[in-house]
Amino acid sequence: MKTKTVLAALTMLAACTTISDVTPAGDGRYTVTAQVRGGMTAWGEVKASSLKRADDYCRQQGKQMHQVDMQTHGVRGWTPQEAELVFSCVNS
């Protein structure tokens, strides 16, 4: 019985993360969004997911990622957490 209770609790705490494709936003800027549904994920992890995707995108071009803006939405544990990053790729 304890095993079933523990498994049920872990399932409720598990989170599903999705990261959007990089999208041009004009003027040499791009956007990428990371979203976590469910669980109790720390905001730092949500933000890090979008920053990593942006960094990978710029590195593929031989450039360095420059963060322009980061907006967060949602309430941890209640609604989906979302980190929307606006960035540009600059020469190293």
PDB file of N, CA and C in Angstrom:
ATOM      1  N   MET A   1       0.822  -1.191   0.000  1.00  0.00           N
ATOM      2  CA  MET A   1       0.000   0.000   0.000  1.00  0.00           C
ATOM      3  C   MET A   1       0.867   1.257   0.000  1.00  0.00           C
ATOM      4  N   LYS A   2       1.939   1.231   0.794  1.00  0.00           N
ATOM      5  CA  LYS A   2       2.827   2.385   0.849  1.00  0.00           C
ATOM      6  C   LYS A   2       3.447   2.656  -0.519  1.00  0.00           C
ATOM      7  N   THR A   3       3.794   1.601  -1.228  1.00  0.00           N
ATOM      8  CA  THR A   3       4.415   1.751  -2.546  1.00  0.00           C
ATOM      9  C   THR A   3       3.466   2.462  -3.503  1.00  0.00           C
ATOM     10  N   LYS A   4       2.192   2.097  -3.487  1.00  0.00           N
ATOM     11  CA  LYS A   4       1.207   2.734  -4.356  1.00  0.00           C
ATOM     12  C   LYS A   4       1.051   4.211  -4.010  1.00  0.00           C
ATOM     13  N   THR A   5       1.061   4.523  -2.738  1.00  0.00           N
ATOM     14  CA  THR A   5       0.935   5.912  -2.303  1.00  0.00           C
ATOM     15  C   THR A   5       2.135   6.732  -2.752  1.00  0.00           C
ATOM     16  N   VAL A   6       3.321   6.183  -2.599  1.00  0.00           N
ATOM     17  CA  VAL A   6       4.538   6.879  -3.011  1.00  0.00           C
ATOM     18  C   VAL A   6       4.534   7.086  -4.520  1.00  0.00           C
ATOM     19  N   LEU A   7       4.165   6.066  -5.283  1.00  0.00           N
ATOM     20  CA  LEU A   7       4.121   6.187  -6.741  1.00  0.00           C
ATOM     21  C   LEU A   7       3.100   7.232  -7.187  1.00  0.00           C
ATOM     22  N   ALA A   8       1.966   7.279  -6.542  1.00  0.00           N
ATOM     23  CA  ALA A   8       0.949   8.279  -6.868  1.00  0.00           C
ATOM     24  C   ALA A   8       1.469   9.687  -6.583  1.00  0.00           C
ATOM     25  N   ALA A   9       2.150   9.858  -5.462  1.00  0.00           N
ATOM     26  CA  ALA A   9       2.702  11.171  -5.110  1.00  0.00           C
ATOM     27  C   ALA A   9       3.777  11.598  -6.116  1.00  0.00           C
ATOM     28  N   LEU A  10       4.636  10.672  -6.507  1.00  0.00           N
ATOM     29  CA  LEU A  10       5.682  10.995  -7.480  1.00  0.00           C
ATOM     30  C   LEU A  10       5.106  11.353  -8.836  1.00  0.00           C
ATOM     31  N   THR A  11       4.054  10.684  -9.230  1.00  0.00           N
ATOM     32  CA  THR A  11       3.396  10.989 -10.497  1.00  0.00           C
ATOM     33  C   THR A  11       2.838  12.402 -10.482  1.00  0.00           C
ATOM     34  N   MET A  12       2.277  12.815  -9.368  1.00  0.00           N
ATOM     35  CA  MET A  12       1.728  14.162  -9.261  1.00  0.00           C
ATOM     36  C   MET A  12       2.828  15.217  -9.298  1.00  0.00           C
ATOM     37  N   LEU A  13       4.010  14.887  -8.796  1.00  0.00           N
ATOM     38  CA  LEU A  13       5.112  15.849  -8.775  1.00  0.00           C
ATOM     39  C   LEU A  13       5.883  15.886 -10.096  1.00  0.00           C
ATOM     40  N   ALA A  14       5.723  14.898 -10.940  1.00  0.00           N
ATOM     41  CA  ALA A  14       6.438  14.848 -12.205  1.00  0.00           C
ATOM     42  C   ALA A  14       5.988  15.996 -13.098  1.00  0.00           C
ATOM     43  N   ALA A  15       6.920  16.508 -13.874  1.00  0.00           N
ATOM     44  CA  ALA A  15       6.613  17.643 -14.739  1.00  0.00           C
ATOM     45  C   ALA A  15       6.918  17.297 -16.183  1.00  0.00           C
ATOM     46  N   CYS A  16       6.192  17.933 -17.073  1.00  0.00           N
ATOM     47  CA  CYS A  16       6.393  17.763 -18.504  1.00  0.00           C
ATOM     48  C   CYS A  16       6.903  19.087 -19.064  1.00  0.00           C
ATOM     49  N   THR A  17       8.104  19.079 -19.626  1.00  0.00           N
ATOM     50  CA  THR A  17       8.711  20.303 -20.159  1.00  0.00           C
ATOM     51  C   THR A  17       8.669  20.290 -21.675  1.00  0.00           C
ATOM     52  N   THR A  18       8.248  21.402 -22.254  1.00  0.00           N
ATOM     53  CA  THR A  18       8.316  21.579 -23.700  1.00  0.00           C
ATOM     54  C   THR A  18       9.064  22.871 -23.983  1.00  0.00           C
ATOM     55  N   ILE A  19       9.866  22.833 -25.035  1.00  0.00           N
ATOM     56  CA  ILE A  19      10.636  24.012 -25.439  1.00  0.00           C
ATOM     57  C   ILE A  19      10.329  24.283 -26.902  1.00  0.00           C
ATOM     58  N   SER A  20       9.944  25.499 -27.195  1.00  0.00           N
ATOM     59  CA  SER A  20       9.567  25.855 -28.558  1.00  0.00           C
ATOM     60  C   SER A  20      10.789  25.931 -29.466  1.00  0.00           C
ATOM     61  N   ASP A  21      10.529  25.963 -30.749  1.00  0.00           N
ATOM     62  CA  ASP A  21      11.586  26.244 -31.707  1.00  0.00           C
ATOM     63  C   ASP A  21      11.950  27.719 -31.580  1.00  0.00           C
ATOM     64  N   VAL A  22      13.132  28.058 -32.043  1.00  0.00           N
ATOM     65  CA  VAL A  22      13.551  29.461 -32.076  1.00  0.00           C
ATOM     66  C   VAL A  22      12.772  30.143 -33.203  1.00  0.00           C
ATOM     67  N   THR A  23      12.185  31.296 -32.886  1.00  0.00           N
ATOM     68  CA  THR A  23      11.375  32.031 -33.843  1.00  0.00           C
ATOM     69  C   THR A  23      11.929  33.436 -34.043  1.00  0.00           C
ATOM     70  N   PRO A  24      12.138  33.867 -35.301  1.00  0.00           N
ATOM     71  CA  PRO A  24      12.598  35.235 -35.536  1.00  0.00           C
ATOM     72  C   PRO A  24      11.565  36.244 -35.015  1.00  0.00           C
ATOM     73  N   ALA A  25      12.056  37.306 -34.368  1.00  0.00           N
ATOM     74  CA  ALA A  25      11.172  38.336 -33.819  1.00  0.00           C
ATOM     75  C   ALA A  25      11.432  39.699 -34.460  1.00  0.00           C
ATOM     76  N   GLY A  26      12.300  39.749 -35.483  1.00  0.00           N
ATOM     77  CA  GLY A  26      12.610  41.005 -36.155  1.00  0.00           C
ATOM     78  C   GLY A  26      13.791  41.713 -35.535  1.00  0.00           C
ATOM     79  N   ASP A  27      14.426  42.557 -36.311  1.00  0.00           N
ATOM     80  CA  ASP A  27      15.582  43.355 -35.860  1.00  0.00           C
ATOM     81  C   ASP A  27      16.709  42.498 -35.293  1.00  0.00           C
ATOM     82  N   GLY A  28      16.912  41.306 -35.848  1.00  0.00           N
ATOM     83  CA  GLY A  28      17.993  40.434 -35.379  1.00  0.00           C
ATOM     84  C   GLY A  28      17.734  39.776 -34.045  1.00  0.00           C
ATOM     85  N   ARG A  29      16.499  39.806 -33.606  1.00  0.00           N
ATOM     86  CA  ARG A  29      16.124  39.184 -32.337  1.00  0.00           C
ATOM     87  C   ARG A  29      15.313  37.930 -32.588  1.00  0.00           C
ATOM     88  N   TYR A  30      15.332  37.044 -31.592  1.00  0.00           N
ATOM     89  CA  TYR A  30      14.628  35.778 -31.676  1.00  0.00           C
ATOM     90  C   TYR A  30      13.907  35.524 -30.360  1.00  0.00           C
ATOM     91  N   THR A  31      12.925  34.624 -30.388  1.00  0.00           N
ATOM     92  CA  THR A  31      12.246  34.223 -29.157  1.00  0.00           C
ATOM     93  C   THR A  31      12.266  32.703 -29.036  1.00  0.00           C
ATOM     94  N   VAL A  32      12.261  32.247 -27.820  1.00  0.00           N
ATOM     95  CA  VAL A  32      12.113  30.823 -27.507  1.00  0.00           C
ATOM     96  C   VAL A  32      11.385  30.755 -26.167  1.00  0.00           C
ATOM     97  N   THR A  33      10.501  29.769 -26.039  1.00  0.00           N
ATOM     98  CA  THR A  33       9.697  29.634 -24.832  1.00  0.00           C
ATOM     99  C   THR A  33       9.831  28.229 -24.262  1.00  0.00           C
ATOM    100  N   ALA A  34      10.054  28.155 -22.966  1.00  0.00           N
ATOM    101  CA  ALA A  34      10.067  26.878 -22.250  1.00  0.00           C
ATOM    102  C   ALA A  34       8.830  26.855 -21.364  1.00  0.00           C
ATOM    103  N   GLN A  35       8.125  25.718 -21.381  1.00  0.00           N
ATOM    104  CA  GLN A  35       6.917  25.597 -20.569  1.00  0.00           C
ATOM    105  C   GLN A  35       6.961  24.284 -19.801  1.00  0.00           C
ATOM    106  N   VAL A  36       6.622  24.367 -18.520  1.00  0.00           N
ATOM    107  CA  VAL A  36       6.564  23.190 -17.656  1.00  0.00           C
ATOM    108  C   VAL A  36       5.137  23.068 -17.147  1.00  0.00           C
ATOM    109  N   ARG A  37       4.571  21.889 -17.326  1.00  0.00           N
ATOM    110  CA  ARG A  37       3.213  21.618 -16.826  1.00  0.00           C
ATOM    111  C   ARG A  37       3.302  20.597 -15.711  1.00  0.00           C
ATOM    112  N   GLY A  38       2.689  20.921 -14.606  1.00  0.00           N
ATOM    113  CA  GLY A  38       2.666  20.000 -13.475  1.00  0.00           C
ATOM    114  C   GLY A  38       3.959  20.038 -12.689  1.00  0.00           C
ATOM    115  N   GLY A  39       3.941  19.459 -11.543  1.00  0.00           N
ATOM    116  CA  GLY A  39       5.147  19.371 -10.727  1.00  0.00           C
ATOM    117  C   GLY A  39       5.477  20.660 -10.000  1.00  0.00           C
ATOM    118  N   MET A  40       6.619  20.630  -9.366  1.00  0.00           N
ATOM    119  CA  MET A  40       7.085  21.773  -8.582  1.00  0.00           C
ATOM    120  C   MET A  40       8.480  22.174  -9.066  1.00  0.00           C
ATOM    121  N   THR A  41       8.604  22.430 -10.344  1.00  0.00           N
ATOM    122  CA  THR A  41       9.887  22.769 -10.939  1.00  0.00           C
ATOM    123  C   THR A  41      10.323  24.167 -10.502  1.00  0.00           C
ATOM    124  N   ALA A  42      11.585  24.300 -10.165  1.00  0.00           N
ATOM    125  CA  ALA A  42      12.123  25.608  -9.774  1.00  0.00           C
ATOM    126  C   ALA A  42      12.156  26.528 -10.992  1.00  0.00           C
ATOM    127  N   TRP A  43      11.908  27.824 -10.761  1.00  0.00           N
ATOM    128  CA  TRP A  43      11.916  28.789 -11.861  1.00  0.00           C
ATOM    129  C   TRP A  43      13.262  28.822 -12.563  1.00  0.00           C
ATOM    130  N   GLY A  44      14.338  28.620 -11.829  1.00  0.00           N
ATOM    131  CA  GLY A  44      15.670  28.614 -12.433  1.00  0.00           C
ATOM    132  C   GLY A  44      15.808  27.546 -13.497  1.00  0.00           C
ATOM    133  N   GLU A  45      15.187  26.393 -13.279  1.00  0.00           N
ATOM    134  CA  GLU A  45      15.243  25.313 -14.261  1.00  0.00           C
ATOM    135  C   GLU A  45      14.433  25.652 -15.510  1.00  0.00           C
ATOM    136  N   VAL A  46      13.286  26.285 -15.327  1.00  0.00           N
ATOM    137  CA  VAL A  46      12.450  26.672 -16.467  1.00  0.00           C
ATOM    138  C   VAL A  46      13.208  27.681 -17.329  1.00  0.00           C
ATOM    139  N   LYS A  47      13.786  28.682 -16.684  1.00  0.00           N
ATOM    140  CA  LYS A  47      14.559  29.700 -17.406  1.00  0.00           C
ATOM    141  C   LYS A  47      15.770  29.086 -18.097  1.00  0.00           C
ATOM    142  N   ALA A  48      16.453  28.186 -17.405  1.00  0.00           N
ATOM    143  CA  ALA A  48      17.659  27.565 -17.955  1.00  0.00           C
ATOM    144  C   ALA A  48      17.357  26.795 -19.237  1.00  0.00           C
ATOM    145  N   SER A  49      16.185  26.195 -19.328  1.00  0.00           N
ATOM    146  CA  SER A  49      15.807  25.450 -20.535  1.00  0.00           C
ATOM    147  C   SER A  49      15.746  26.358 -21.754  1.00  0.00           C
ATOM    148  N   SER A  50      15.138  27.532 -21.609  1.00  0.00           N
ATOM    149  CA  SER A  50      15.056  28.459 -22.742  1.00  0.00           C
ATOM    150  C   SER A  50      16.428  29.058 -23.054  1.00  0.00           C
ATOM    151  N   LEU A  51      17.216  29.342 -22.025  1.00  0.00           N
ATOM    152  CA  LEU A  51      18.562  29.887 -22.250  1.00  0.00           C
ATOM    153  C   LEU A  51      19.461  28.885 -22.975  1.00  0.00           C
ATOM    154  N   LYS A  52      19.328  27.615 -22.627  1.00  0.00           N
ATOM    155  CA  LYS A  52      20.138  26.584 -23.282  1.00  0.00           C
ATOM    156  C   LYS A  52      19.775  26.471 -24.760  1.00  0.00           C
ATOM    157  N   ARG A  53      18.480  26.470 -25.070  1.00  0.00           N
ATOM    158  CA  ARG A  53      18.046  26.369 -26.470  1.00  0.00           C
ATOM    159  C   ARG A  53      18.580  27.566 -27.264  1.00  0.00           C
ATOM    160  N   ALA A  54      18.508  28.759 -26.696  1.00  0.00           N
ATOM    161  CA  ALA A  54      18.997  29.963 -27.370  1.00  0.00           C
ATOM    162  C   ALA A  54      20.513  29.900 -27.558  1.00  0.00           C
ATOM    163  N   ASP A  55      21.224  29.457 -26.533  1.00  0.00           N
ATOM    164  CA  ASP A  55      22.679  29.353 -26.617  1.00  0.00           C
ATOM    165  C   ASP A  55      23.087  28.358 -27.702  1.00  0.00           C
ATOM    166  N   ASP A  56      22.411  27.217 -27.762  1.00  0.00           N
ATOM    167  CA  ASP A  56      22.700  26.215 -28.796  1.00  0.00           C
ATOM    168  C   ASP A  56      22.462  26.791 -30.190  1.00  0.00           C
ATOM    169  N   TYR A  57      21.381  27.547 -30.338  1.00  0.00           N
ATOM    170  CA  TYR A  57      21.041  28.152 -31.631  1.00  0.00           C
ATOM    171  C   TYR A  57      22.148  29.098 -32.104  1.00  0.00           C
ATOM    172  N   CYS A  58      22.612  29.955 -31.207  1.00  0.00           N
ATOM    173  CA  CYS A  58      23.661  30.916 -31.574  1.00  0.00           C
ATOM    174  C   CYS A  58      24.998  30.225 -31.824  1.00  0.00           C
ATOM    175  N   ARG A  59      25.327  29.236 -31.032  1.00  0.00           N
ATOM    176  CA  ARG A  59      26.593  28.507 -31.215  1.00  0.00           C
ATOM    177  C   ARG A  59      26.650  27.830 -32.578  1.00  0.00           C
ATOM    178  N   GLN A  60      25.510  27.341 -33.077  1.00  0.00           N
ATOM    179  CA  GLN A  60      25.470  26.727 -34.400  1.00  0.00           C
ATOM    180  C   GLN A  60      25.859  27.729 -35.487  1.00  0.00           C
ATOM    181  N   GLN A  61      25.693  29.002 -35.192  1.00  0.00           N
ATOM    182  CA  GLN A  61      26.051  30.063 -36.132  1.00  0.00           C
ATOM    183  C   GLN A  61      27.445  30.624 -35.849  1.00  0.00           C
ATOM    184  N   GLY A  62      28.129  30.067 -34.875  1.00  0.00           N
ATOM    185  CA  GLY A  62      29.444  30.559 -34.495  1.00  0.00           C
ATOM    186  C   GLY A  62      29.380  31.879 -33.747  1.00  0.00           C
ATOM    187  N   LYS A  63      28.245  32.124 -33.099  1.00  0.00           N
ATOM    188  CA  LYS A  63      28.050  33.383 -32.382  1.00  0.00           C
ATOM    189  C   LYS A  63      27.733  33.110 -30.918  1.00  0.00           C
ATOM    190  N   GLN A  64      27.593  34.195 -30.173  1.00  0.00           N
ATOM    191  CA  GLN A  64      27.305  34.109 -28.739  1.00  0.00           C
ATOM    192  C   GLN A  64      25.904  34.656 -28.481  1.00  0.00           C
ATOM    193  N   MET A  65      25.178  33.992 -27.592  1.00  0.00           N
ATOM    194  CA  MET A  65      23.828  34.427 -27.258  1.00  0.00           C
ATOM    195  C   MET A  65      23.873  35.635 -26.328  1.00  0.00           C
ATOM    196  N   HIS A  66      23.012  36.613 -26.631  1.00  0.00           N
ATOM    197  CA  HIS A  66      22.872  37.809 -25.793  1.00  0.00           C
ATOM    198  C   HIS A  66      21.407  37.920 -25.385  1.00  0.00           C
ATOM    199  N   GLN A  67      21.145  37.808 -24.085  1.00  0.00           N
ATOM    200  CA  GLN A  67      19.770  37.903 -23.583  1.00  0.00           C
ATOM    201  C   GLN A  67      19.286  39.341 -23.657  1.00  0.00           C
ATOM    202  N   VAL A  68      18.128  39.542 -24.283  1.00  0.00           N
ATOM    203  CA  VAL A  68      17.520  40.867 -24.371  1.00  0.00           C
ATOM    204  C   VAL A  68      16.451  41.034 -23.296  1.00  0.00           C
ATOM    205  N   ASP A  69      15.591  40.006 -23.134  1.00  0.00           N
ATOM    206  CA  ASP A  69      14.505  40.081 -22.166  1.00  0.00           C
ATOM    207  C   ASP A  69      14.062  38.669 -21.784  1.00  0.00           C
ATOM    208  N   MET A  70      13.574  38.518 -20.571  1.00  0.00           N
ATOM    209  CA  MET A  70      13.024  37.242 -20.105  1.00  0.00           C
ATOM    210  C   MET A  70      11.760  37.543 -19.323  1.00  0.00           C
ATOM    211  N   GLN A  71      10.648  36.951 -19.747  1.00  0.00           N
ATOM    212  CA  GLN A  71       9.374  37.105 -19.048  1.00  0.00           C
ATOM    213  C   GLN A  71       8.944  35.736 -18.532  1.00  0.00           C
ATOM    214  N   THR A  72       8.408  35.701 -17.326  1.00  0.00           N
ATOM    215  CA  THR A  72       7.892  34.450 -16.780  1.00  0.00           C
ATOM    216  C   THR A  72       6.401  34.596 -16.507  1.00  0.00           C
ATOM    217  N   HIS A  73       5.702  33.480 -16.656  1.00  0.00           N
ATOM    218  CA  HIS A  73       4.259  33.456 -16.439  1.00  0.00           C
ATOM    219  C   HIS A  73       3.892  32.160 -15.724  1.00  0.00           C
ATOM    220  N   GLY A  74       2.839  32.191 -14.953  1.00  0.00           N
ATOM    221  CA  GLY A  74       2.344  30.992 -14.293  1.00  0.00           C
ATOM    222  C   GLY A  74       2.650  30.983 -12.811  1.00  0.00           C
ATOM    223  N   VAL A  75       2.045  30.018 -12.147  1.00  0.00           N
ATOM    224  CA  VAL A  75       2.211  29.860 -10.708  1.00  0.00           C
ATOM    225  C   VAL A  75       2.666  28.433 -10.443  1.00  0.00           C
ATOM    226  N   ARG A  76       3.840  28.315  -9.873  1.00  0.00           N
ATOM    227  CA  ARG A  76       4.443  27.010  -9.598  1.00  0.00           C
ATOM    228  C   ARG A  76       3.470  26.119  -8.824  1.00  0.00           C
ATOM    229  N   GLY A  77       3.209  24.931  -9.379  1.00  0.00           N
ATOM    230  CA  GLY A  77       2.333  23.979  -8.729  1.00  0.00           C
ATOM    231  C   GLY A  77       0.856  24.153  -9.042  1.00  0.00           C
ATOM    232  N   TRP A  78       0.463  25.293  -9.646  1.00  0.00           N
ATOM    233  CA  TRP A  78      -0.951  25.546  -9.922  1.00  0.00           C
ATOM    234  C   TRP A  78      -1.246  25.666 -11.416  1.00  0.00           C
ATOM    235  N   THR A  79      -0.453  26.443 -12.108  1.00  0.00           N
ATOM    236  CA  THR A  79      -0.653  26.640 -13.548  1.00  0.00           C
ATOM    237  C   THR A  79       0.668  26.371 -14.257  1.00  0.00           C
ATOM    238  N   PRO A  80       0.626  26.155 -15.573  1.00  0.00           N
ATOM    239  CA  PRO A  80       1.885  25.932 -16.284  1.00  0.00           C
ATOM    240  C   PRO A  80       2.853  27.101 -16.076  1.00  0.00           C
ATOM    241  N   GLN A  81       4.122  26.769 -15.877  1.00  0.00           N
ATOM    242  CA  GLN A  81       5.164  27.780 -15.739  1.00  0.00           C
ATOM    243  C   GLN A  81       5.761  27.991 -17.125  1.00  0.00           C
ATOM    244  N   GLU A  82       5.952  29.242 -17.499  1.00  0.00           N
ATOM    245  CA  GLU A  82       6.461  29.550 -18.825  1.00  0.00           C
ATOM    246  C   GLU A  82       7.523  30.633 -18.728  1.00  0.00           C
ATOM    247  N   ALA A  83       8.636  30.415 -19.417  1.00  0.00           N
ATOM    248  CA  ALA A  83       9.702  31.414 -19.493  1.00  0.00           C
ATOM    249  C   ALA A  83       9.892  31.758 -20.962  1.00  0.00           C
ATOM    250  N   GLU A  84       9.611  33.001 -21.321  1.00  0.00           N
ATOM    251  CA  GLU A  84       9.741  33.469 -22.696  1.00  0.00           C
ATOM    252  C   GLU A  84      10.993  34.342 -22.800  1.00  0.00           C
ATOM    253  N   LEU A  85      11.931  33.898 -23.623  1.00  0.00           N
ATOM    254  CA  LEU A  85      13.214  34.572 -23.773  1.00  0.00           C
ATOM    255  C   LEU A  85      13.284  35.282 -25.119  1.00  0.00           C
ATOM    256  N   VAL A  86      13.708  36.529 -25.090  1.00  0.00           N
ATOM    257  CA  VAL A  86      14.041  37.273 -26.305  1.00  0.00           C
ATOM    258  C   VAL A  86      15.548  37.433 -26.296  1.00  0.00           C
ATOM    259  N   PHE A  87      16.193  37.079 -27.411  1.00  0.00           N
ATOM    260  CA  PHE A  87      17.660  37.121 -27.457  1.00  0.00           C
ATOM    261  C   PHE A  87      18.144  37.483 -28.851  1.00  0.00           C
ATOM    262  N   SER A  88      19.416  37.777 -28.928  1.00  0.00           N
ATOM    263  CA  SER A  88      20.070  37.991 -30.218  1.00  0.00           C
ATOM    264  C   SER A  88      21.373  37.202 -30.227  1.00  0.00           C
ATOM    265  N   CYS A  89      21.904  36.982 -31.400  1.00  0.00           N
ATOM    266  CA  CYS A  89      23.180  36.288 -31.555  1.00  0.00           C
ATOM    267  C   CYS A  89      24.206  37.320 -32.000  1.00  0.00           C
ATOM    268  N   VAL A  90      25.289  37.433 -31.244  1.00  0.00           N
ATOM    269  CA  VAL A  90      26.316  38.437 -31.546  1.00  0.00           C
ATOM    270  C   VAL A  90      27.644  37.749 -31.813  1.00  0.00           C
ATOM    271  N   ASN A  91      28.506  38.412 -32.554  1.00  0.00           N
ATOM    272  CA  ASN A  91      29.832  37.858 -32.818  1.00  0.00           C
ATOM    273  C   ASN A  91      30.626  37.766 -31.525  1.00  0.00           C
ATOM    274  N   SER A  92      31.352  36.684 -31.392  1.00  0.00           N
ATOM    275  CA  SER A  92      32.155  36.436 -30.172  1.00  0.00           C
ATOM    276  C   SER A  92      33.302  37.398 -30.044  1.00  0.00           C
TER     277      SER A  92
END
